[in-house]
Amino acid sequence: METAELTVNSVQRLHACPADLFIRTANHFSCDIKVKNLTAGSDFVNEKSVLRLLSLGVNNDHIIYIEAEGTDELQVI
């Protein structure tokens, strides 16, 4: 399992367009990818679902935690 913590630096937050790009990129990989918003204290969501990703409420300066597990986990992170 590989993990990463990232700070979102976007005044527009993680809204529909960047979330869609995030998910389209994730769908290129076969491993399981989960994300949670550390700043908001959310639970993990499946990163390949736009509605679940948007439900995290990621805003500017929030820290997200990404967890990838599978054959291509290093490439994801």
Protein backbone atom coordinates (compact mmCIF):
# COMPACT_ATOMS: atom_id res chain seq x y z
CA MET A 1 0.00 0.00 0.00
CA GLU A 2 1.25 3.46 -0.93
CA THR A 3 -0.04 6.71 0.59
CA ALA A 4 0.33 10.45 0.13
CA GLU A 5 -0.84 13.63 1.84
CA LEU A 6 -1.49 16.61 -0.40
CA THR A 7 -2.54 20.18 0.31
CA VAL A 8 -5.15 21.56 -2.09
CA ASN A 9 -4.05 24.96 -3.33
CA SER A 10 -7.09 26.14 -5.26
CA VAL A 11 -9.31 29.04 -4.29
CA GLN A 12 -12.07 27.37 -6.33
CA ARG A 13 -11.80 24.21 -4.14
CA LEU A 14 -12.32 20.69 -5.48
CA HIS A 15 -15.49 21.29 -7.49
CA ALA A 16 -17.01 19.20 -10.30
CA CYS A 17 -14.48 19.88 -13.10
CA PRO A 18 -11.27 19.12 -11.18
CA ALA A 19 -13.01 16.21 -9.42
CA ASP A 20 -13.93 14.77 -12.82
CA LEU A 21 -10.32 15.08 -14.00
CA PHE A 22 -9.12 13.46 -10.78
CA ILE A 23 -11.46 10.52 -11.36
CA ARG A 24 -10.71 10.14 -15.07
CA THR A 25 -7.03 9.92 -14.15
CA ALA A 26 -7.74 7.37 -11.41
CA ASN A 27 -9.68 5.20 -13.84
CA HIS A 28 -6.48 4.64 -15.84
CA PHE A 29 -5.21 2.49 -12.96
CA SER A 30 -6.34 -0.93 -11.82
CA CYS A 31 -5.55 -0.59 -8.11
CA ASP A 32 -7.99 0.48 -5.40
CA ILE A 33 -7.72 4.18 -4.61
CA LYS A 34 -9.29 5.81 -1.55
CA VAL A 35 -9.26 9.45 -0.48
CA LYS A 36 -10.21 11.29 2.69
CA ASN A 37 -10.18 14.93 3.73
CA LEU A 38 -7.93 15.12 6.78
CA THR A 39 -8.86 18.75 7.46
CA ALA A 40 -12.58 17.97 7.67
CA GLY A 41 -12.09 14.61 9.38
CA SER A 42 -13.98 12.65 6.73
CA ASP A 43 -14.03 8.92 6.17
CA PHE A 44 -12.40 7.29 3.15
CA VAL A 45 -14.30 7.37 -0.14
CA ASN A 46 -13.69 5.49 -3.37
CA GLU A 47 -11.74 7.91 -5.54
CA LYS A 48 -13.34 6.59 -8.71
CA SER A 49 -16.77 8.04 -7.80
CA VAL A 50 -17.37 11.73 -8.53
CA LEU A 51 -20.25 12.10 -6.07
CA ARG A 52 -18.30 10.54 -3.24
CA LEU A 53 -15.25 12.67 -4.01
CA LEU A 54 -17.37 15.83 -4.01
CA SER A 55 -18.95 14.76 -0.70
CA LEU A 56 -15.55 15.25 0.98
CA GLY A 57 -16.02 19.02 0.80
CA VAL A 58 -12.40 19.75 -0.09
CA ASN A 59 -11.67 23.48 0.01
CA ASN A 60 -8.56 25.61 -0.40
CA ASP A 61 -5.76 24.68 2.02
CA HIS A 62 -7.42 21.39 3.00
CA ILE A 63 -5.18 18.35 3.32
CA ILE A 64 -6.27 15.18 1.54
CA TYR A 65 -4.91 11.70 2.17
CA ILE A 66 -4.69 9.28 -0.75
CA GLU A 67 -4.27 5.55 -0.32
CA ALA A 68 -3.56 3.22 -3.26
CA GLU A 69 -3.34 -0.54 -3.07
CA GLY A 70 -2.68 -2.89 -5.97
CA THR A 71 -0.29 -3.69 -8.77
CA ASP A 72 0.15 -0.08 -9.97
CA GLU A 73 -0.01 1.70 -6.60
CA LEU A 74 3.39 3.36 -7.04
CA GLN A 75 2.30 4.96 -10.32
CA VAL A 76 -0.86 6.30 -8.68
CA ILE A 77 1.01 8.02 -5.88
